[in-house]
């Protein structure tokens, strides 16, 4: 009996799975594995844990969309603060040669 590499058998792997679901990278396979899972040592049965669909739907709505937007908002806010400190221009990200062309 071999379990999937991405599973919820260990807290660390579970966090990694949820992070992968939050980024929408391979989340369908993780969801299908969770829905098919049974007790330890037993073979999976297709769609034996139907209620896990609700878990993933709620996690994607609240965990992914809300948290990801919050995370992106913090990054944009920090970028705008750094931009204000630099005088309100994007010159802080430019090399000296780029600044010459930007000023012209």
PDB file of N, CA and C in Angstrom:
ATOM      1  N   UNK A   1       0.851  -1.188   0.000  1.00  0.00           N
ATOM      2  CA  UNK A   1       0.000   0.000   0.000  1.00  0.00           C
ATOM      3  C   UNK A   1       0.886   1.237   0.000  1.00  0.00           C
ATOM      4  N   UNK A   2       0.763   2.044  -1.003  1.00  0.00           N
ATOM      5  CA  UNK A   2       1.579   3.247  -1.127  1.00  0.00           C
ATOM      6  C   UNK A   2       0.658   4.456  -1.153  1.00  0.00           C
ATOM      7  N   UNK A   3       0.917   5.405  -0.249  1.00  0.00           N
ATOM      8  CA  UNK A   3       0.097   6.614  -0.224  1.00  0.00           C
ATOM      9  C   UNK A   3       0.658   7.640  -1.189  1.00  0.00           C
ATOM     10  N   UNK A   4      -0.152   8.610  -1.510  1.00  0.00           N
ATOM     11  CA  UNK A   4       0.264   9.700  -2.383  1.00  0.00           C
ATOM     12  C   UNK A   4       1.358  10.511  -1.695  1.00  0.00           C
ATOM     13  N   UNK A   5       2.232  11.123  -2.471  1.00  0.00           N
ATOM     14  CA  UNK A   5       3.299  11.953  -1.892  1.00  0.00           C
ATOM     15  C   UNK A   5       2.715  13.143  -1.148  1.00  0.00           C
ATOM     16  N   UNK A   6       1.611  13.669  -1.628  1.00  0.00           N
ATOM     17  CA  UNK A   6       0.936  14.788  -0.967  1.00  0.00           C
ATOM     18  C   UNK A   6      -0.266  14.223  -0.223  1.00  0.00           C
ATOM     19  N   UNK A   7      -0.154  14.177   1.115  1.00  0.00           N
ATOM     20  CA  UNK A   7      -1.241  13.610   1.907  1.00  0.00           C
ATOM     21  C   UNK A   7      -1.379  14.376   3.214  1.00  0.00           C
ATOM     22  N   UNK A   8      -2.349  13.978   4.011  1.00  0.00           N
ATOM     23  CA  UNK A   8      -2.632  14.634   5.287  1.00  0.00           C
ATOM     24  C   UNK A   8      -2.248  13.742   6.468  1.00  0.00           C
ATOM     25  N   UNK A   9      -1.297  12.830   6.268  1.00  0.00           N
ATOM     26  CA  UNK A   9      -0.885  11.907   7.324  1.00  0.00           C
ATOM     27  C   UNK A   9       0.017  12.562   8.362  1.00  0.00           C
ATOM     28  N   UNK A  10       0.635  13.665   8.033  1.00  0.00           N
ATOM     29  CA  UNK A  10       1.563  14.360   8.928  1.00  0.00           C
ATOM     30  C   UNK A  10       1.233  15.847   8.868  1.00  0.00           C
ATOM     31  N   UNK A  11       1.412  16.545   9.979  1.00  0.00           N
ATOM     32  CA  UNK A  11       1.053  17.971  10.032  1.00  0.00           C
ATOM     33  C   UNK A  11       1.841  18.771   9.000  1.00  0.00           C
ATOM     34  N   UNK A  12       3.129  18.494   8.865  1.00  0.00           N
ATOM     35  CA  UNK A  12       3.950  19.216   7.894  1.00  0.00           C
ATOM     36  C   UNK A  12       3.482  18.997   6.469  1.00  0.00           C
ATOM     37  N   UNK A  13       3.194  17.745   6.141  1.00  0.00           N
ATOM     38  CA  UNK A  13       2.691  17.447   4.793  1.00  0.00           C
ATOM     39  C   UNK A  13       1.318  18.070   4.573  1.00  0.00           C
ATOM     40  N   UNK A  14       0.510  18.101   5.628  1.00  0.00           N
ATOM     41  CA  UNK A  14      -0.824  18.698   5.508  1.00  0.00           C
ATOM     42  C   UNK A  14      -0.722  20.188   5.208  1.00  0.00           C
ATOM     43  N   UNK A  15       0.180  20.898   5.906  1.00  0.00           N
ATOM     44  CA  UNK A  15       0.375  22.321   5.619  1.00  0.00           C
ATOM     45  C   UNK A  15       0.881  22.528   4.197  1.00  0.00           C
ATOM     46  N   UNK A  16       1.779  21.666   3.761  1.00  0.00           N
ATOM     47  CA  UNK A  16       2.285  21.769   2.397  1.00  0.00           C
ATOM     48  C   UNK A  16       1.169  21.525   1.381  1.00  0.00           C
ATOM     49  N   UNK A  17       0.309  20.557   1.667  1.00  0.00           N
ATOM     50  CA  UNK A  17      -0.840  20.297   0.784  1.00  0.00           C
ATOM     51  C   UNK A  17      -1.766  21.499   0.721  1.00  0.00           C
ATOM     52  N   UNK A  18      -2.071  22.077   1.884  1.00  0.00           N
ATOM     53  CA  UNK A  18      -2.977  23.227   1.908  1.00  0.00           C
ATOM     54  C   UNK A  18      -2.360  24.431   1.210  1.00  0.00           C
ATOM     55  N   UNK A  19      -1.045  24.607   1.338  1.00  0.00           N
ATOM     56  CA  UNK A  19      -0.379  25.691   0.614  1.00  0.00           C
ATOM     57  C   UNK A  19      -0.482  25.458  -0.885  1.00  0.00           C
ATOM     58  N   UNK A  20      -0.295  24.220  -1.298  1.00  0.00           N
ATOM     59  CA  UNK A  20      -0.403  23.902  -2.722  1.00  0.00           C
ATOM     60  C   UNK A  20      -1.824  24.121  -3.221  1.00  0.00           C
ATOM     61  N   UNK A  21      -2.814  23.779  -2.420  1.00  0.00           N
ATOM     62  CA  UNK A  21      -4.209  24.030  -2.792  1.00  0.00           C
ATOM     63  C   UNK A  21      -4.455  25.531  -2.882  1.00  0.00           C
ATOM     64  N   UNK A  22      -3.893  26.310  -1.951  1.00  0.00           N
ATOM     65  CA  UNK A  22      -4.090  27.761  -1.944  1.00  0.00           C
ATOM     66  C   UNK A  22      -3.492  28.420  -3.172  1.00  0.00           C
ATOM     67  N   UNK A  23      -2.443  27.839  -3.730  1.00  0.00           N
ATOM     68  CA  UNK A  23      -1.831  28.403  -4.936  1.00  0.00           C
ATOM     69  C   UNK A  23      -2.425  27.819  -6.212  1.00  0.00           C
ATOM     70  N   UNK A  24      -3.394  26.916  -6.068  1.00  0.00           N
ATOM     71  CA  UNK A  24      -4.087  26.274  -7.194  1.00  0.00           C
ATOM     72  C   UNK A  24      -3.162  25.430  -8.059  1.00  0.00           C
ATOM     73  N   UNK A  25      -2.055  24.969  -7.511  1.00  0.00           N
ATOM     74  CA  UNK A  25      -1.104  24.133  -8.254  1.00  0.00           C
ATOM     75  C   UNK A  25      -1.347  22.668  -7.895  1.00  0.00           C
ATOM     76  N   UNK A  26      -1.977  21.916  -8.757  1.00  0.00           N
ATOM     77  CA  UNK A  26      -2.232  20.506  -8.528  1.00  0.00           C
ATOM     78  C   UNK A  26      -3.251  20.223  -7.438  1.00  0.00           C
ATOM     79  N   UNK A  27      -4.156  21.160  -7.202  1.00  0.00           N
ATOM     80  CA  UNK A  27      -5.099  21.007  -6.092  1.00  0.00           C
ATOM     81  C   UNK A  27      -6.153  19.942  -6.352  1.00  0.00           C
ATOM     82  N   UNK A  28      -6.467  19.685  -7.606  1.00  0.00           N
ATOM     83  CA  UNK A  28      -7.500  18.698  -7.922  1.00  0.00           C
ATOM     84  C   UNK A  28      -7.038  17.295  -7.529  1.00  0.00           C
ATOM     85  N   UNK A  29      -5.776  16.975  -7.773  1.00  0.00           N
ATOM     86  CA  UNK A  29      -5.253  15.663  -7.387  1.00  0.00           C
ATOM     87  C   UNK A  29      -5.259  15.491  -5.872  1.00  0.00           C
ATOM     88  N   UNK A  30      -4.880  16.548  -5.146  1.00  0.00           N
ATOM     89  CA  UNK A  30      -4.898  16.492  -3.679  1.00  0.00           C
ATOM     90  C   UNK A  30      -6.326  16.309  -3.179  1.00  0.00           C
ATOM     91  N   UNK A  31      -7.270  17.036  -3.771  1.00  0.00           N
ATOM     92  CA  UNK A  31      -8.669  16.907  -3.368  1.00  0.00           C
ATOM     93  C   UNK A  31      -9.186  15.493  -3.642  1.00  0.00           C
ATOM     94  N   UNK A  32      -8.885  14.963  -4.811  1.00  0.00           N
ATOM     95  CA  UNK A  32      -9.342  13.612  -5.140  1.00  0.00           C
ATOM     96  C   UNK A  32      -8.736  12.567  -4.207  1.00  0.00           C
ATOM     97  N   UNK A  33      -7.456  12.723  -3.860  1.00  0.00           N
ATOM     98  CA  UNK A  33      -6.832  11.786  -2.920  1.00  0.00           C
ATOM     99  C   UNK A  33      -7.494  11.858  -1.549  1.00  0.00           C
ATOM    100  N   UNK A  34      -7.838  13.061  -1.105  1.00  0.00           N
ATOM    101  CA  UNK A  34      -8.485  13.216   0.203  1.00  0.00           C
ATOM    102  C   UNK A  34      -9.899  12.640   0.185  1.00  0.00           C
ATOM    103  N   UNK A  35     -10.596  12.791  -0.912  1.00  0.00           N
ATOM    104  CA  UNK A  35     -11.968  12.281  -1.016  1.00  0.00           C
ATOM    105  C   UNK A  35     -11.977  10.754  -1.083  1.00  0.00           C
ATOM    106  N   UNK A  36     -10.956  10.173  -1.695  1.00  0.00           N
ATOM    107  CA  UNK A  36     -10.887   8.720  -1.841  1.00  0.00           C
ATOM    108  C   UNK A  36     -10.286   8.020  -0.623  1.00  0.00           C
ATOM    109  N   UNK A  37      -9.740   8.749   0.323  1.00  0.00           N
ATOM    110  CA  UNK A  37      -9.011   8.127   1.437  1.00  0.00           C
ATOM    111  C   UNK A  37      -9.951   7.456   2.433  1.00  0.00           C
ATOM    112  N   UNK A  38      -9.394   6.431   3.081  1.00  0.00           N
ATOM    113  CA  UNK A  38     -10.108   5.701   4.134  1.00  0.00           C
ATOM    114  C   UNK A  38      -9.206   5.600   5.348  1.00  0.00           C
ATOM    115  N   UNK A  39      -9.428   4.603   6.161  1.00  0.00           N
ATOM    116  CA  UNK A  39      -8.621   4.399   7.355  1.00  0.00           C
ATOM    117  C   UNK A  39      -7.189   4.026   6.985  1.00  0.00           C
ATOM    118  N   UNK A  40      -6.293   4.134   7.977  1.00  0.00           N
ATOM    119  CA  UNK A  40      -4.896   3.781   7.760  1.00  0.00           C
ATOM    120  C   UNK A  40      -4.804   2.293   7.425  1.00  0.00           C
ATOM    121  N   UNK A  41      -4.056   1.979   6.367  1.00  0.00           N
ATOM    122  CA  UNK A  41      -3.845   0.590   5.980  1.00  0.00           C
ATOM    123  C   UNK A  41      -4.905   0.022   5.059  1.00  0.00           C
ATOM    124  N   UNK A  42      -5.885   0.807   4.673  1.00  0.00           N
ATOM    125  CA  UNK A  42      -6.935   0.326   3.775  1.00  0.00           C
ATOM    126  C   UNK A  42      -6.818   1.018   2.423  1.00  0.00           C
ATOM    127  N   UNK A  43      -7.203   0.286   1.398  1.00  0.00           N
ATOM    128  CA  UNK A  43      -7.157   0.820   0.043  1.00  0.00           C
ATOM    129  C   UNK A  43      -8.191   1.930  -0.126  1.00  0.00           C
ATOM    130  N   UNK A  44      -7.860   2.954  -0.905  1.00  0.00           N
ATOM    131  CA  UNK A  44      -8.850   4.013  -1.143  1.00  0.00           C
ATOM    132  C   UNK A  44     -10.021   3.507  -1.982  1.00  0.00           C
ATOM    133  N   UNK A  45     -11.169   4.093  -1.727  1.00  0.00           N
ATOM    134  CA  UNK A  45     -12.376   3.813  -2.510  1.00  0.00           C
ATOM    135  C   UNK A  45     -12.838   5.135  -3.103  1.00  0.00           C
ATOM    136  N   UNK A  46     -13.170   5.095  -4.369  1.00  0.00           N
ATOM    137  CA  UNK A  46     -13.536   6.329  -5.071  1.00  0.00           C
ATOM    138  C   UNK A  46     -14.704   7.027  -4.385  1.00  0.00           C
ATOM    139  N   UNK A  47     -14.489   8.305  -4.069  1.00  0.00           N
ATOM    140  CA  UNK A  47     -15.487   9.207  -3.486  1.00  0.00           C
ATOM    141  C   UNK A  47     -16.131   8.637  -2.222  1.00  0.00           C
ATOM    142  N   UNK A  48     -15.321   8.076  -1.352  1.00  0.00           N
ATOM    143  CA  UNK A  48     -15.858   7.543  -0.101  1.00  0.00           C
ATOM    144  C   UNK A  48     -16.090   8.635   0.940  1.00  0.00           C
ATOM    145  N   UNK A  49     -15.367   9.735   0.861  1.00  0.00           N
ATOM    146  CA  UNK A  49     -15.534  10.867   1.785  1.00  0.00           C
ATOM    147  C   UNK A  49     -16.097  12.063   1.027  1.00  0.00           C
ATOM    148  N   UNK A  50     -17.346  12.002   0.656  1.00  0.00           N
ATOM    149  CA  UNK A  50     -17.976  13.064  -0.134  1.00  0.00           C
ATOM    150  C   UNK A  50     -17.931  14.405   0.590  1.00  0.00           C
ATOM    151  N   UNK A  51     -18.029  14.397   1.915  1.00  0.00           N
ATOM    152  CA  UNK A  51     -18.038  15.652   2.673  1.00  0.00           C
ATOM    153  C   UNK A  51     -16.730  16.428   2.533  1.00  0.00           C
ATOM    154  N   UNK A  52     -15.668  15.773   2.066  1.00  0.00           N
ATOM    155  CA  UNK A  52     -14.398  16.478   1.866  1.00  0.00           C
ATOM    156  C   UNK A  52     -14.499  17.502   0.737  1.00  0.00           C
ATOM    157  N   UNK A  53     -15.458  17.328  -0.174  1.00  0.00           N
ATOM    158  CA  UNK A  53     -15.684  18.346  -1.202  1.00  0.00           C
ATOM    159  C   UNK A  53     -15.975  19.693  -0.548  1.00  0.00           C
ATOM    160  N   UNK A  54     -16.824  19.683   0.474  1.00  0.00           N
ATOM    161  CA  UNK A  54     -17.162  20.927   1.175  1.00  0.00           C
ATOM    162  C   UNK A  54     -15.935  21.561   1.812  1.00  0.00           C
ATOM    163  N   UNK A  55     -15.076  20.735   2.411  1.00  0.00           N
ATOM    164  CA  UNK A  55     -13.856  21.251   3.032  1.00  0.00           C
ATOM    165  C   UNK A  55     -13.014  21.999   2.009  1.00  0.00           C
ATOM    166  N   UNK A  56     -12.812  21.409   0.845  1.00  0.00           N
ATOM    167  CA  UNK A  56     -11.976  22.038  -0.168  1.00  0.00           C
ATOM    168  C   UNK A  56     -12.641  23.273  -0.767  1.00  0.00           C
ATOM    169  N   UNK A  57     -13.945  23.235  -0.956  1.00  0.00           N
ATOM    170  CA  UNK A  57     -14.650  24.416  -1.473  1.00  0.00           C
ATOM    171  C   UNK A  57     -14.513  25.578  -0.497  1.00  0.00           C
ATOM    172  N   UNK A  58     -14.768  25.318   0.789  1.00  0.00           N
ATOM    173  CA  UNK A  58     -14.633  26.380   1.790  1.00  0.00           C
ATOM    174  C   UNK A  58     -13.194  26.850   1.925  1.00  0.00           C
ATOM    175  N   UNK A  59     -12.246  25.930   1.867  1.00  0.00           N
ATOM    176  CA  UNK A  59     -10.843  26.332   1.977  1.00  0.00           C
ATOM    177  C   UNK A  59     -10.427  27.192   0.795  1.00  0.00           C
ATOM    178  N   UNK A  60     -10.865  26.832  -0.397  1.00  0.00           N
ATOM    179  CA  UNK A  60     -10.500  27.621  -1.573  1.00  0.00           C
ATOM    180  C   UNK A  60     -11.135  29.005  -1.503  1.00  0.00           C
ATOM    181  N   UNK A  61     -12.392  29.074  -1.082  1.00  0.00           N
ATOM    182  CA  UNK A  61     -13.060  30.379  -0.998  1.00  0.00           C
ATOM    183  C   UNK A  61     -12.428  31.250   0.073  1.00  0.00           C
ATOM    184  N   UNK A  62     -12.317  30.724   1.282  1.00  0.00           N
ATOM    185  CA  UNK A  62     -11.835  31.535   2.397  1.00  0.00           C
ATOM    186  C   UNK A  62     -10.316  31.505   2.530  1.00  0.00           C
ATOM    187  N   UNK A  63      -9.725  30.347   2.366  1.00  0.00           N
ATOM    188  CA  UNK A  63      -8.285  30.226   2.550  1.00  0.00           C
ATOM    189  C   UNK A  63      -7.493  30.782   1.397  1.00  0.00           C
ATOM    190  N   UNK A  64      -7.923  30.496   0.195  1.00  0.00           N
ATOM    191  CA  UNK A  64      -7.146  30.904  -0.968  1.00  0.00           C
ATOM    192  C   UNK A  64      -7.453  32.324  -1.400  1.00  0.00           C
ATOM    193  N   UNK A  65      -8.695  32.575  -1.763  1.00  0.00           N
ATOM    194  CA  UNK A  65      -9.035  33.884  -2.302  1.00  0.00           C
ATOM    195  C   UNK A  65      -8.821  34.989  -1.278  1.00  0.00           C
ATOM    196  N   UNK A  66      -9.331  34.801  -0.075  1.00  0.00           N
ATOM    197  CA  UNK A  66      -9.229  35.840   0.946  1.00  0.00           C
ATOM    198  C   UNK A  66      -7.788  36.039   1.391  1.00  0.00           C
ATOM    199  N   UNK A  67      -7.109  34.957   1.739  1.00  0.00           N
ATOM    200  CA  UNK A  67      -5.744  35.065   2.245  1.00  0.00           C
ATOM    201  C   UNK A  67      -4.787  35.512   1.153  1.00  0.00           C
ATOM    202  N   UNK A  68      -4.943  34.993  -0.048  1.00  0.00           N
ATOM    203  CA  UNK A  68      -4.061  35.390  -1.139  1.00  0.00           C
ATOM    204  C   UNK A  68      -4.240  36.868  -1.464  1.00  0.00           C
ATOM    205  N   UNK A  69      -5.471  37.354  -1.476  1.00  0.00           N
ATOM    206  CA  UNK A  69      -5.700  38.781  -1.712  1.00  0.00           C
ATOM    207  C   UNK A  69      -5.143  39.625  -0.581  1.00  0.00           C
ATOM    208  N   UNK A  70      -5.259  39.154   0.644  1.00  0.00           N
ATOM    209  CA  UNK A  70      -4.691  39.863   1.785  1.00  0.00           C
ATOM    210  C   UNK A  70      -3.174  39.924   1.670  1.00  0.00           C
ATOM    211  N   UNK A  71      -2.552  38.825   1.302  1.00  0.00           N
ATOM    212  CA  UNK A  71      -1.102  38.760   1.134  1.00  0.00           C
ATOM    213  C   UNK A  71      -0.635  39.703   0.026  1.00  0.00           C
ATOM    214  N   UNK A  72      -1.320  39.697  -1.090  1.00  0.00           N
ATOM    215  CA  UNK A  72      -0.966  40.587  -2.202  1.00  0.00           C
ATOM    216  C   UNK A  72      -1.173  42.040  -1.801  1.00  0.00           C
ATOM    217  N   UNK A  73      -2.222  42.322  -1.029  1.00  0.00           N
ATOM    218  CA  UNK A  73      -2.459  43.682  -0.546  1.00  0.00           C
ATOM    219  C   UNK A  73      -1.332  44.186   0.329  1.00  0.00           C
ATOM    220  N   UNK A  74      -0.798  43.334   1.189  1.00  0.00           N
ATOM    221  CA  UNK A  74       0.327  43.723   2.047  1.00  0.00           C
ATOM    222  C   UNK A  74       1.559  44.015   1.202  1.00  0.00           C
ATOM    223  N   UNK A  75       1.813  43.214   0.196  1.00  0.00           N
ATOM    224  CA  UNK A  75       2.967  43.440  -0.681  1.00  0.00           C
ATOM    225  C   UNK A  75       2.818  44.761  -1.424  1.00  0.00           C
ATOM    226  N   UNK A  76       1.650  45.030  -1.965  1.00  0.00           N
ATOM    227  CA  UNK A  76       1.429  46.282  -2.699  1.00  0.00           C
ATOM    228  C   UNK A  76       1.528  47.478  -1.767  1.00  0.00           C
ATOM    229  N   UNK A  77       1.007  47.356  -0.545  1.00  0.00           N
ATOM    230  CA  UNK A  77       1.103  48.439   0.429  1.00  0.00           C
ATOM    231  C   UNK A  77       2.559  48.737   0.776  1.00  0.00           C
ATOM    232  N   UNK A  78       3.356  47.701   0.992  1.00  0.00           N
ATOM    233  CA  UNK A  78       4.782  47.905   1.272  1.00  0.00           C
ATOM    234  C   UNK A  78       5.505  48.518   0.080  1.00  0.00           C
ATOM    235  N   UNK A  79       5.140  48.109  -1.120  1.00  0.00           N
ATOM    236  CA  UNK A  79       5.735  48.695  -2.319  1.00  0.00           C
ATOM    237  C   UNK A  79       5.420  50.186  -2.405  1.00  0.00           C
ATOM    238  N   UNK A  80       4.165  50.553  -2.135  1.00  0.00           N
ATOM    239  CA  UNK A  80       3.782  51.965  -2.187  1.00  0.00           C
ATOM    240  C   UNK A  80       4.487  52.784  -1.118  1.00  0.00           C
ATOM    241  N   UNK A  81       4.708  52.209   0.068  1.00  0.00           N
ATOM    242  CA  UNK A  81       5.451  52.918   1.111  1.00  0.00           C
ATOM    243  C   UNK A  81       6.888  53.168   0.682  1.00  0.00           C
ATOM    244  N   UNK A  82       7.524  52.164   0.091  1.00  0.00           N
ATOM    245  CA  UNK A  82       8.902  52.329  -0.381  1.00  0.00           C
ATOM    246  C   UNK A  82       8.967  53.343  -1.520  1.00  0.00           C
ATOM    247  N   UNK A  83       7.938  53.360  -2.340  1.00  0.00           N
ATOM    248  CA  UNK A  83       7.886  54.317  -3.449  1.00  0.00           C
ATOM    249  C   UNK A  83       7.774  55.742  -2.913  1.00  0.00           C
ATOM    250  N   UNK A  84       6.971  55.944  -1.850  1.00  0.00           N
ATOM    251  CA  UNK A  84       6.853  57.272  -1.238  1.00  0.00           C
ATOM    252  C   UNK A  84       8.170  57.717  -0.625  1.00  0.00           C
ATOM    253  N   UNK A  85       8.870  56.785   0.015  1.00  0.00           N
ATOM    254  CA  UNK A  85      10.160  57.115   0.624  1.00  0.00           C
ATOM    255  C   UNK A  85      11.183  57.527  -0.427  1.00  0.00           C
ATOM    256  N   UNK A  86      11.061  56.978  -1.628  1.00  0.00           N
ATOM    257  CA  UNK A  86      12.002  57.286  -2.703  1.00  0.00           C
ATOM    258  C   UNK A  86      11.591  58.527  -3.480  1.00  0.00           C
ATOM    259  N   UNK A  87      10.603  59.250  -3.018  1.00  0.00           N
ATOM    260  CA  UNK A  87      10.206  60.473  -3.699  1.00  0.00           C
ATOM    261  C   UNK A  87       9.058  60.292  -4.665  1.00  0.00           C
ATOM    262  N   UNK A  88       8.388  59.184  -4.631  1.00  0.00           N
ATOM    263  CA  UNK A  88       7.211  58.980  -5.469  1.00  0.00           C
ATOM    264  C   UNK A  88       7.505  58.551  -6.885  1.00  0.00           C
ATOM    265  N   UNK A  89       8.727  58.176  -7.183  1.00  0.00           N
ATOM    266  CA  UNK A  89       9.037  57.728  -8.542  1.00  0.00           C
ATOM    267  C   UNK A  89       9.545  56.293  -8.507  1.00  0.00           C
ATOM    268  N   UNK A  90       9.657  55.740  -9.663  1.00  0.00           N
ATOM    269  CA  UNK A  90      10.139  54.366  -9.776  1.00  0.00           C
ATOM    270  C   UNK A  90      11.647  54.297  -9.977  1.00  0.00           C
ATOM    271  N   UNK A  91      12.340  55.401  -9.779  1.00  0.00           N
ATOM    272  CA  UNK A  91      13.774  55.441 -10.031  1.00  0.00           C
ATOM    273  C   UNK A  91      14.570  54.548  -9.093  1.00  0.00           C
ATOM    274  N   UNK A  92      14.007  54.189  -7.965  1.00  0.00           N
ATOM    275  CA  UNK A  92      14.745  53.344  -7.029  1.00  0.00           C
ATOM    276  C   UNK A  92      14.980  51.944  -7.591  1.00  0.00           C
ATOM    277  N   UNK A  93      14.220  51.547  -8.611  1.00  0.00           N
ATOM    278  CA  UNK A  93      14.384  50.231  -9.211  1.00  0.00           C
ATOM    279  C   UNK A  93      15.228  50.269 -10.479  1.00  0.00           C
ATOM    280  N   UNK A  94      15.734  51.427 -10.849  1.00  0.00           N
ATOM    281  CA  UNK A  94      16.453  51.570 -12.110  1.00  0.00           C
ATOM    282  C   UNK A  94      17.954  51.664 -11.896  1.00  0.00           C
ATOM    283  N   UNK A  95      18.676  51.170 -12.894  1.00  0.00           N
ATOM    284  CA  UNK A  95      20.119  51.353 -12.901  1.00  0.00           C
ATOM    285  C   UNK A  95      20.413  52.774 -13.365  1.00  0.00           C
ATOM    286  N   UNK A  96      21.663  53.166 -13.289  1.00  0.00           N
ATOM    287  CA  UNK A  96      22.039  54.524 -13.702  1.00  0.00           C
ATOM    288  C   UNK A  96      21.752  54.755 -15.185  1.00  0.00           C
ATOM    289  N   UNK A  97      22.021  53.771 -16.031  1.00  0.00           N
ATOM    290  CA  UNK A  97      21.743  53.914 -17.463  1.00  0.00           C
ATOM    291  C   UNK A  97      20.245  54.046 -17.728  1.00  0.00           C
ATOM    292  N   UNK A  98      19.444  53.294 -17.004  1.00  0.00           N
ATOM    293  CA  UNK A  98      17.999  53.387 -17.181  1.00  0.00           C
ATOM    294  C   UNK A  98      17.475  54.738 -16.721  1.00  0.00           C
ATOM    295  N   UNK A  99      18.057  55.302 -15.669  1.00  0.00           N
ATOM    296  CA  UNK A  99      17.635  56.616 -15.180  1.00  0.00           C
ATOM    297  C   UNK A  99      17.902  57.699 -16.216  1.00  0.00           C
ATOM    298  N   UNK A 100      19.011  57.584 -16.954  1.00  0.00           N
ATOM    299  CA  UNK A 100      19.327  58.568 -17.995  1.00  0.00           C
ATOM    300  C   UNK A 100      18.226  58.597 -19.056  1.00  0.00           C
ATOM    301  N   UNK A 101      17.770  57.427 -19.481  1.00  0.00           N
ATOM    302  CA  UNK A 101      16.721  57.361 -20.495  1.00  0.00           C
ATOM    303  C   UNK A 101      15.362  57.747 -19.925  1.00  0.00           C
ATOM    304  N   UNK A 102      15.132  57.451 -18.669  1.00  0.00           N
ATOM    305  CA  UNK A 102      13.861  57.764 -18.021  1.00  0.00           C
ATOM    306  C   UNK A 102      13.687  59.265 -17.856  1.00  0.00           C
ATOM    307  N   UNK A 103      14.764  59.964 -17.519  1.00  0.00           N
ATOM    308  CA  UNK A 103      14.703  61.412 -17.306  1.00  0.00           C
ATOM    309  C   UNK A 103      14.444  62.134 -18.623  1.00  0.00           C
ATOM    310  N   UNK A 104      14.996  61.630 -19.718  1.00  0.00           N
ATOM    311  CA  UNK A 104      14.810  62.250 -21.024  1.00  0.00           C
ATOM    312  C   UNK A 104      13.396  62.054 -21.432  1.00  0.00           C
TER     313      UNK A 104
END
